[in-house]
Amino acid sequence: MMILASATFLLYTGTVEAHPPSDVSIDYDIADEELTVSITHSVGDPQSHYIYNVVVEVDGDTVIDQDYQEQPDDTNFQYTYDLVAGPGSVIEVTAYCNQAGSGSDTFEVGEENDDEDDTPGFALIVSGVALVSAVLIYDKKKRP
């Protein structure tokens, strides 16, 4: 009975440790034609439990299939690849754990980033208008 319990415990702990990456995210710089893949895969020993393969597809065609022997950090790390993809192309990245599972992310080239304004110098124009308005209001209040 003790042998069966020990074997069950060992099998159970092995499956708890084996897990896919918890996050895979893509950043593509169209001007530099550079793809950055950020991976979160928390492990105790990145030489024995690691992301062993990263596959990059553009519009459904595999363009990068890179194998690794270990991961560079025990939690968060990035890989950078040279990649040509035009506006409207769909990039999909899948990262595979050597013990169990995978994680992926998809990105469409040319998607707008909600954090950025499309007008160059927009912040400078707004700041200038605010400054001129403040000076005019101050000057008007100062006069009798």
N, C-alpha and C. Protein backbone atom coordinates (compact mmCIF):
# COMPACT_ATOMS: atom_id res chain seq x y z
N MET A 1 0.82 -1.19 0.00
CA MET A 1 0.00 0.00 0.00
C MET A 1 0.87 1.27 0.00
N MET A 2 1.97 1.22 0.76
CA MET A 2 2.88 2.37 0.81
C MET A 2 3.53 2.62 -0.54
N ILE A 3 3.87 1.58 -1.27
CA ILE A 3 4.47 1.72 -2.60
C ILE A 3 3.49 2.38 -3.54
N LEU A 4 2.23 1.96 -3.50
CA LEU A 4 1.20 2.55 -4.36
C LEU A 4 1.00 4.02 -4.01
N ALA A 5 0.96 4.35 -2.73
CA ALA A 5 0.80 5.74 -2.31
C ALA A 5 1.99 6.59 -2.75
N SER A 6 3.19 6.06 -2.63
CA SER A 6 4.39 6.78 -3.05
C SER A 6 4.41 7.01 -4.55
N ALA A 7 4.05 6.00 -5.30
CA ALA A 7 4.01 6.12 -6.76
C ALA A 7 2.97 7.15 -7.18
N THR A 8 1.81 7.14 -6.55
CA THR A 8 0.76 8.12 -6.86
C THR A 8 1.25 9.52 -6.55
N PHE A 9 1.92 9.71 -5.40
CA PHE A 9 2.44 11.02 -5.03
C PHE A 9 3.46 11.51 -6.05
N LEU A 10 4.38 10.64 -6.46
CA LEU A 10 5.40 11.03 -7.43
C LEU A 10 4.79 11.40 -8.77
N LEU A 11 3.80 10.66 -9.22
CA LEU A 11 3.13 10.98 -10.48
C LEU A 11 2.38 12.30 -10.37
N TYR A 12 1.73 12.52 -9.24
CA TYR A 12 0.97 13.74 -9.04
C TYR A 12 1.88 14.97 -9.01
N THR A 13 3.01 14.90 -8.29
CA THR A 13 3.91 16.05 -8.23
C THR A 13 4.56 16.32 -9.57
N GLY A 14 4.79 15.31 -10.36
CA GLY A 14 5.35 15.51 -11.70
C GLY A 14 4.41 16.29 -12.58
N THR A 15 3.12 16.04 -12.50
CA THR A 15 2.17 16.75 -13.34
C THR A 15 1.94 18.17 -12.84
N VAL A 16 2.11 18.39 -11.53
CA VAL A 16 1.97 19.74 -11.01
C VAL A 16 3.10 20.62 -11.52
N GLU A 17 4.32 20.09 -11.57
CA GLU A 17 5.46 20.88 -12.02
C GLU A 17 5.42 21.12 -13.53
N ALA A 18 4.93 20.18 -14.30
CA ALA A 18 4.88 20.33 -15.75
C ALA A 18 3.70 21.22 -16.12
N HIS A 19 4.00 22.32 -16.80
CA HIS A 19 2.94 23.26 -17.15
C HIS A 19 3.36 24.08 -18.38
N PRO A 20 2.37 24.56 -19.11
CA PRO A 20 2.68 25.40 -20.26
C PRO A 20 3.06 26.81 -19.80
N PRO A 21 3.56 27.64 -20.71
CA PRO A 21 3.85 29.02 -20.34
C PRO A 21 2.56 29.72 -19.91
N SER A 22 2.64 30.56 -18.89
CA SER A 22 1.44 31.26 -18.41
C SER A 22 1.11 32.46 -19.29
N ASP A 23 2.09 32.97 -20.05
CA ASP A 23 1.81 34.09 -20.94
C ASP A 23 2.80 34.10 -22.10
N VAL A 24 2.28 34.36 -23.28
CA VAL A 24 3.08 34.58 -24.48
C VAL A 24 2.52 35.85 -25.12
N SER A 25 3.36 36.84 -25.37
CA SER A 25 2.88 38.07 -26.01
C SER A 25 3.85 38.50 -27.11
N ILE A 26 3.27 39.15 -28.11
CA ILE A 26 4.01 39.53 -29.32
C ILE A 26 4.08 41.05 -29.44
N ASP A 27 5.24 41.53 -29.85
CA ASP A 27 5.40 42.94 -30.23
C ASP A 27 6.15 42.94 -31.56
N TYR A 28 5.57 43.58 -32.57
CA TYR A 28 6.20 43.61 -33.89
C TYR A 28 6.49 45.05 -34.28
N ASP A 29 7.74 45.32 -34.64
CA ASP A 29 8.16 46.64 -35.12
C ASP A 29 8.27 46.55 -36.63
N ILE A 30 7.27 47.10 -37.32
CA ILE A 30 7.21 46.98 -38.78
C ILE A 30 8.36 47.75 -39.44
N ALA A 31 8.78 48.87 -38.86
CA ALA A 31 9.87 49.67 -39.44
C ALA A 31 11.19 48.91 -39.38
N ASP A 32 11.47 48.26 -38.25
CA ASP A 32 12.73 47.53 -38.08
C ASP A 32 12.61 46.07 -38.50
N GLU A 33 11.39 45.64 -38.88
CA GLU A 33 11.12 44.25 -39.25
C GLU A 33 11.65 43.30 -38.17
N GLU A 34 11.20 43.58 -36.92
CA GLU A 34 11.69 42.82 -35.78
C GLU A 34 10.51 42.36 -34.91
N LEU A 35 10.49 41.09 -34.62
CA LEU A 35 9.46 40.49 -33.78
C LEU A 35 10.05 40.18 -32.41
N THR A 36 9.40 40.65 -31.36
CA THR A 36 9.82 40.34 -30.00
C THR A 36 8.73 39.48 -29.37
N VAL A 37 9.13 38.32 -28.86
CA VAL A 37 8.22 37.40 -28.20
C VAL A 37 8.57 37.39 -26.72
N SER A 38 7.63 37.80 -25.88
CA SER A 38 7.82 37.79 -24.43
C SER A 38 7.10 36.58 -23.86
N ILE A 39 7.81 35.81 -23.04
CA ILE A 39 7.26 34.57 -22.50
C ILE A 39 7.39 34.58 -20.99
N THR A 40 6.32 34.17 -20.30
CA THR A 40 6.34 33.95 -18.86
C THR A 40 6.15 32.47 -18.63
N HIS A 41 7.17 31.83 -18.07
CA HIS A 41 7.14 30.40 -17.79
C HIS A 41 7.98 30.18 -16.54
N SER A 42 7.31 30.14 -15.39
CA SER A 42 8.01 30.03 -14.11
C SER A 42 8.41 28.59 -13.84
N VAL A 43 9.71 28.39 -13.66
CA VAL A 43 10.26 27.05 -13.43
C VAL A 43 11.30 27.09 -12.33
N GLY A 44 11.55 25.96 -11.71
CA GLY A 44 12.59 25.87 -10.69
C GLY A 44 13.97 25.75 -11.29
N ASP A 45 14.08 25.03 -12.41
CA ASP A 45 15.37 24.80 -13.04
C ASP A 45 15.23 24.98 -14.56
N PRO A 46 15.63 26.14 -15.09
CA PRO A 46 15.45 26.42 -16.52
C PRO A 46 16.32 25.57 -17.45
N GLN A 47 17.19 24.70 -16.88
CA GLN A 47 17.96 23.79 -17.71
C GLN A 47 17.22 22.45 -17.90
N SER A 48 16.30 22.13 -17.00
CA SER A 48 15.59 20.86 -17.11
C SER A 48 14.11 21.02 -17.46
N HIS A 49 13.54 22.16 -17.15
CA HIS A 49 12.12 22.45 -17.46
C HIS A 49 12.12 23.81 -18.16
N TYR A 50 11.82 23.82 -19.45
CA TYR A 50 12.03 25.04 -20.22
C TYR A 50 11.16 25.07 -21.48
N ILE A 51 11.13 26.23 -22.11
CA ILE A 51 10.49 26.37 -23.42
C ILE A 51 11.50 25.86 -24.44
N TYR A 52 11.15 24.73 -25.06
CA TYR A 52 12.11 24.09 -25.96
C TYR A 52 11.92 24.46 -27.42
N ASN A 53 10.76 25.05 -27.75
CA ASN A 53 10.51 25.33 -29.16
C ASN A 53 9.58 26.54 -29.28
N VAL A 54 9.90 27.43 -30.23
CA VAL A 54 9.05 28.56 -30.55
C VAL A 54 8.79 28.51 -32.06
N VAL A 55 7.51 28.53 -32.41
CA VAL A 55 7.11 28.50 -33.82
C VAL A 55 6.40 29.81 -34.15
N VAL A 56 6.84 30.46 -35.23
CA VAL A 56 6.23 31.70 -35.69
C VAL A 56 5.60 31.44 -37.05
N GLU A 57 4.32 31.79 -37.15
CA GLU A 57 3.61 31.67 -38.43
C GLU A 57 3.15 33.05 -38.88
N VAL A 58 3.25 33.29 -40.17
CA VAL A 58 2.72 34.51 -40.77
C VAL A 58 1.69 34.08 -41.80
N ASP A 59 0.46 34.51 -41.59
CA ASP A 59 -0.66 34.15 -42.46
C ASP A 59 -0.76 32.64 -42.66
N GLY A 60 -0.51 31.88 -41.59
CA GLY A 60 -0.66 30.43 -41.61
C GLY A 60 0.55 29.66 -42.08
N ASP A 61 1.58 30.34 -42.56
CA ASP A 61 2.80 29.67 -43.03
C ASP A 61 3.89 29.77 -41.95
N THR A 62 4.51 28.64 -41.62
CA THR A 62 5.60 28.64 -40.64
C THR A 62 6.82 29.31 -41.25
N VAL A 63 7.30 30.37 -40.58
CA VAL A 63 8.48 31.10 -41.07
C VAL A 63 9.66 30.97 -40.12
N ILE A 64 9.40 30.62 -38.87
CA ILE A 64 10.46 30.39 -37.88
C ILE A 64 10.05 29.18 -37.05
N ASP A 65 10.98 28.25 -36.87
CA ASP A 65 10.77 27.07 -36.03
C ASP A 65 12.08 26.88 -35.27
N GLN A 66 12.17 27.51 -34.09
CA GLN A 66 13.43 27.59 -33.35
C GLN A 66 13.41 26.69 -32.13
N ASP A 67 14.42 25.81 -32.00
CA ASP A 67 14.56 24.94 -30.83
C ASP A 67 15.55 25.55 -29.84
N TYR A 68 15.32 25.26 -28.55
CA TYR A 68 16.19 25.73 -27.48
C TYR A 68 16.50 24.58 -26.54
N GLN A 69 17.64 24.63 -25.85
CA GLN A 69 18.06 23.60 -24.91
C GLN A 69 17.80 24.00 -23.45
N GLU A 70 17.44 25.26 -23.23
CA GLU A 70 17.11 25.78 -21.90
C GLU A 70 16.47 27.14 -22.12
N GLN A 71 15.87 27.69 -21.05
CA GLN A 71 15.34 29.05 -21.18
C GLN A 71 16.25 30.00 -20.42
N PRO A 72 16.38 31.25 -20.90
CA PRO A 72 17.37 32.17 -20.36
C PRO A 72 17.08 32.70 -18.95
N ASP A 73 15.87 32.53 -18.46
CA ASP A 73 15.52 33.02 -17.13
C ASP A 73 14.51 32.05 -16.52
N ASP A 74 14.41 32.02 -15.21
CA ASP A 74 13.49 31.06 -14.59
C ASP A 74 12.03 31.53 -14.58
N THR A 75 11.75 32.76 -15.07
CA THR A 75 10.36 33.23 -15.10
C THR A 75 10.02 33.97 -16.40
N ASN A 76 10.62 35.15 -16.62
CA ASN A 76 10.28 36.01 -17.76
C ASN A 76 11.49 36.16 -18.68
N PHE A 77 11.24 36.06 -19.98
CA PHE A 77 12.32 36.24 -20.94
C PHE A 77 11.75 36.60 -22.29
N GLN A 78 12.62 37.04 -23.19
CA GLN A 78 12.22 37.44 -24.54
C GLN A 78 13.14 36.82 -25.57
N TYR A 79 12.55 36.56 -26.73
CA TYR A 79 13.32 36.18 -27.90
C TYR A 79 13.00 37.20 -28.99
N THR A 80 14.00 37.59 -29.76
CA THR A 80 13.82 38.55 -30.84
C THR A 80 14.21 37.89 -32.16
N TYR A 81 13.37 38.10 -33.16
CA TYR A 81 13.59 37.49 -34.47
C TYR A 81 13.46 38.55 -35.56
N ASP A 82 14.26 38.43 -36.61
CA ASP A 82 14.07 39.25 -37.80
C ASP A 82 12.90 38.65 -38.56
N LEU A 83 11.94 39.51 -38.94
CA LEU A 83 10.73 39.02 -39.58
C LEU A 83 10.14 40.09 -40.48
N VAL A 84 9.85 39.72 -41.71
CA VAL A 84 9.20 40.63 -42.64
C VAL A 84 7.72 40.27 -42.70
N ALA A 85 6.88 41.24 -42.32
CA ALA A 85 5.43 41.05 -42.38
C ALA A 85 4.80 42.40 -42.67
N GLY A 86 3.94 42.44 -43.68
CA GLY A 86 3.32 43.69 -44.08
C GLY A 86 2.02 43.96 -43.33
N PRO A 87 1.50 45.18 -43.50
CA PRO A 87 0.22 45.53 -42.87
C PRO A 87 -0.87 44.52 -43.25
N GLY A 88 -1.64 44.12 -42.27
CA GLY A 88 -2.71 43.15 -42.49
C GLY A 88 -2.29 41.71 -42.28
N SER A 89 -0.98 41.45 -42.23
CA SER A 89 -0.51 40.08 -41.98
C SER A 89 -0.84 39.67 -40.55
N VAL A 90 -1.15 38.39 -40.38
CA VAL A 90 -1.44 37.86 -39.05
C VAL A 90 -0.25 37.02 -38.61
N ILE A 91 0.34 37.42 -37.48
CA ILE A 91 1.47 36.70 -36.90
C ILE A 91 0.95 35.87 -35.73
N GLU A 92 1.28 34.59 -35.71
CA GLU A 92 0.92 33.74 -34.58
C GLU A 92 2.20 33.09 -34.06
N VAL A 93 2.38 33.16 -32.75
CA VAL A 93 3.55 32.57 -32.10
C VAL A 93 3.07 31.55 -31.10
N THR A 94 3.70 30.36 -31.13
CA THR A 94 3.40 29.32 -30.15
C THR A 94 4.71 28.90 -29.49
N ALA A 95 4.70 28.88 -28.15
CA ALA A 95 5.86 28.46 -27.36
C ALA A 95 5.52 27.15 -26.68
N TYR A 96 6.40 26.14 -26.83
CA TYR A 96 6.16 24.79 -26.32
C TYR A 96 7.07 24.48 -25.14
N CYS A 97 6.47 23.98 -24.06
CA CYS A 97 7.21 23.54 -22.88
C CYS A 97 7.72 22.13 -23.12
N ASN A 98 8.94 21.82 -22.66
CA ASN A 98 9.51 20.49 -22.87
C ASN A 98 8.85 19.43 -21.99
N GLN A 99 8.04 19.85 -21.01
CA GLN A 99 7.39 18.88 -20.15
C GLN A 99 5.89 18.76 -20.40
N ALA A 100 5.23 19.85 -20.74
CA ALA A 100 3.79 19.76 -21.01
C ALA A 100 3.24 21.08 -21.52
N GLY A 101 2.48 21.02 -22.58
CA GLY A 101 1.68 22.14 -23.03
C GLY A 101 2.39 23.20 -23.83
N SER A 102 1.59 24.19 -24.21
CA SER A 102 2.09 25.31 -25.01
C SER A 102 1.22 26.53 -24.73
N GLY A 103 1.72 27.68 -25.16
CA GLY A 103 0.98 28.93 -25.08
C GLY A 103 1.19 29.68 -26.37
N SER A 104 0.23 30.53 -26.74
CA SER A 104 0.37 31.24 -28.01
C SER A 104 -0.27 32.62 -27.94
N ASP A 105 0.06 33.43 -28.93
CA ASP A 105 -0.52 34.75 -29.09
C ASP A 105 -0.59 35.04 -30.58
N THR A 106 -1.56 35.88 -30.94
CA THR A 106 -1.77 36.27 -32.33
C THR A 106 -1.78 37.79 -32.40
N PHE A 107 -1.23 38.31 -33.49
CA PHE A 107 -1.11 39.76 -33.66
C PHE A 107 -1.33 40.09 -35.13
N GLU A 108 -2.13 41.11 -35.39
CA GLU A 108 -2.32 41.56 -36.77
C GLU A 108 -1.49 42.81 -37.00
N VAL A 109 -0.59 42.75 -37.96
CA VAL A 109 0.30 43.87 -38.26
C VAL A 109 -0.54 45.05 -38.75
N GLY A 110 -0.26 46.22 -38.19
CA GLY A 110 -0.97 47.42 -38.60
C GLY A 110 -2.11 47.76 -37.67
N GLU A 111 -2.34 46.94 -36.62
CA GLU A 111 -3.37 47.28 -35.65
C GLU A 111 -2.98 48.58 -34.97
N GLU A 112 -3.98 49.42 -34.70
CA GLU A 112 -3.72 50.67 -34.01
C GLU A 112 -3.42 50.39 -32.55
N ASN A 113 -2.50 51.13 -31.99
CA ASN A 113 -2.22 51.07 -30.57
C ASN A 113 -3.01 52.18 -29.91
N ASP A 114 -3.96 51.84 -29.04
CA ASP A 114 -4.84 52.81 -28.43
C ASP A 114 -4.11 53.83 -27.56
N ASP A 115 -2.87 53.54 -27.16
CA ASP A 115 -2.13 54.44 -26.30
C ASP A 115 -1.50 55.60 -27.06
N GLU A 116 -1.44 55.51 -28.36
CA GLU A 116 -0.73 56.51 -29.14
C GLU A 116 -1.69 57.38 -29.93
N ASP A 117 -1.34 58.67 -30.09
CA ASP A 117 -2.10 59.56 -30.95
C ASP A 117 -1.55 59.45 -32.37
N ASP A 118 -2.44 59.60 -33.34
CA ASP A 118 -2.01 59.52 -34.73
C ASP A 118 -1.37 60.81 -35.21
N THR A 119 -1.61 61.93 -34.49
CA THR A 119 -1.10 63.22 -34.91
C THR A 119 0.28 63.45 -34.31
N PRO A 120 1.31 63.58 -35.15
CA PRO A 120 2.64 63.85 -34.60
C PRO A 120 2.65 65.22 -33.93
N GLY A 121 3.27 65.31 -32.76
CA GLY A 121 3.37 66.57 -32.06
C GLY A 121 2.09 67.00 -31.37
N PHE A 122 1.10 66.12 -31.27
CA PHE A 122 -0.18 66.45 -30.67
C PHE A 122 0.00 66.96 -29.24
N ALA A 123 0.80 66.26 -28.45
CA ALA A 123 1.02 66.66 -27.06
C ALA A 123 1.68 68.03 -26.98
N LEU A 124 2.60 68.33 -27.89
CA LEU A 124 3.26 69.63 -27.90
C LEU A 124 2.26 70.74 -28.22
N ILE A 125 1.37 70.51 -29.16
CA ILE A 125 0.36 71.52 -29.52
C ILE A 125 -0.57 71.78 -28.35
N VAL A 126 -1.04 70.71 -27.71
CA VAL A 126 -1.95 70.86 -26.56
C VAL A 126 -1.25 71.60 -25.43
N SER A 127 0.02 71.25 -25.16
CA SER A 127 0.77 71.93 -24.10
C SER A 127 0.95 73.42 -24.42
N GLY A 128 1.24 73.74 -25.66
CA GLY A 128 1.42 75.14 -26.07
C GLY A 128 0.14 75.94 -25.92
N VAL A 129 -0.98 75.38 -26.34
CA VAL A 129 -2.27 76.06 -26.21
C VAL A 129 -2.60 76.28 -24.73
N ALA A 130 -2.34 75.27 -23.89
CA ALA A 130 -2.60 75.40 -22.45
C ALA A 130 -1.74 76.50 -21.84
N LEU A 131 -0.47 76.55 -22.22
CA LEU A 131 0.44 77.56 -21.68
C LEU A 131 0.00 78.96 -22.09
N VAL A 132 -0.32 79.16 -23.36
CA VAL A 132 -0.77 80.48 -23.84
C VAL A 132 -2.06 80.87 -23.13
N SER A 133 -2.98 79.94 -22.97
CA SER A 133 -4.24 80.23 -22.27
C SER A 133 -3.98 80.64 -20.83
N ALA A 134 -3.09 79.93 -20.15
CA ALA A 134 -2.78 80.25 -18.75
C ALA A 134 -2.18 81.64 -18.63
N VAL A 135 -1.27 82.00 -19.53
CA VAL A 135 -0.64 83.32 -19.51
C VAL A 135 -1.69 84.40 -19.75
N LEU A 136 -2.58 84.21 -20.71
CA LEU A 136 -3.62 85.20 -21.01
C LEU A 136 -4.58 85.36 -19.83
N ILE A 137 -4.97 84.30 -19.20
CA ILE A 137 -5.86 84.36 -18.04
C ILE A 137 -5.17 85.07 -16.88
N TYR A 138 -3.92 84.75 -16.62
CA TYR A 138 -3.17 85.38 -15.55
C TYR A 138 -3.04 86.89 -15.80
N ASP A 139 -2.70 87.24 -17.04
CA ASP A 139 -2.52 88.64 -17.41
C ASP A 139 -3.84 89.39 -17.25
N LYS A 140 -4.95 88.79 -17.63
CA LYS A 140 -6.26 89.44 -17.56
C LYS A 140 -6.66 89.66 -16.10
N LYS A 141 -6.38 88.71 -15.21
CA LYS A 141 -6.71 88.85 -13.80
C LYS A 141 -5.82 89.87 -13.10
N LYS A 142 -4.60 90.02 -13.59
CA LYS A 142 -3.64 90.94 -12.99
C LYS A 142 -4.03 92.39 -13.26
N ARG A 143 -4.65 92.69 -14.39
CA ARG A 143 -5.03 94.06 -14.75
C ARG A 143 -6.26 94.49 -13.96
N PRO A 144 -6.27 95.78 -13.56
CA PRO A 144 -7.43 96.29 -12.79
C PRO A 144 -8.67 96.50 -13.61
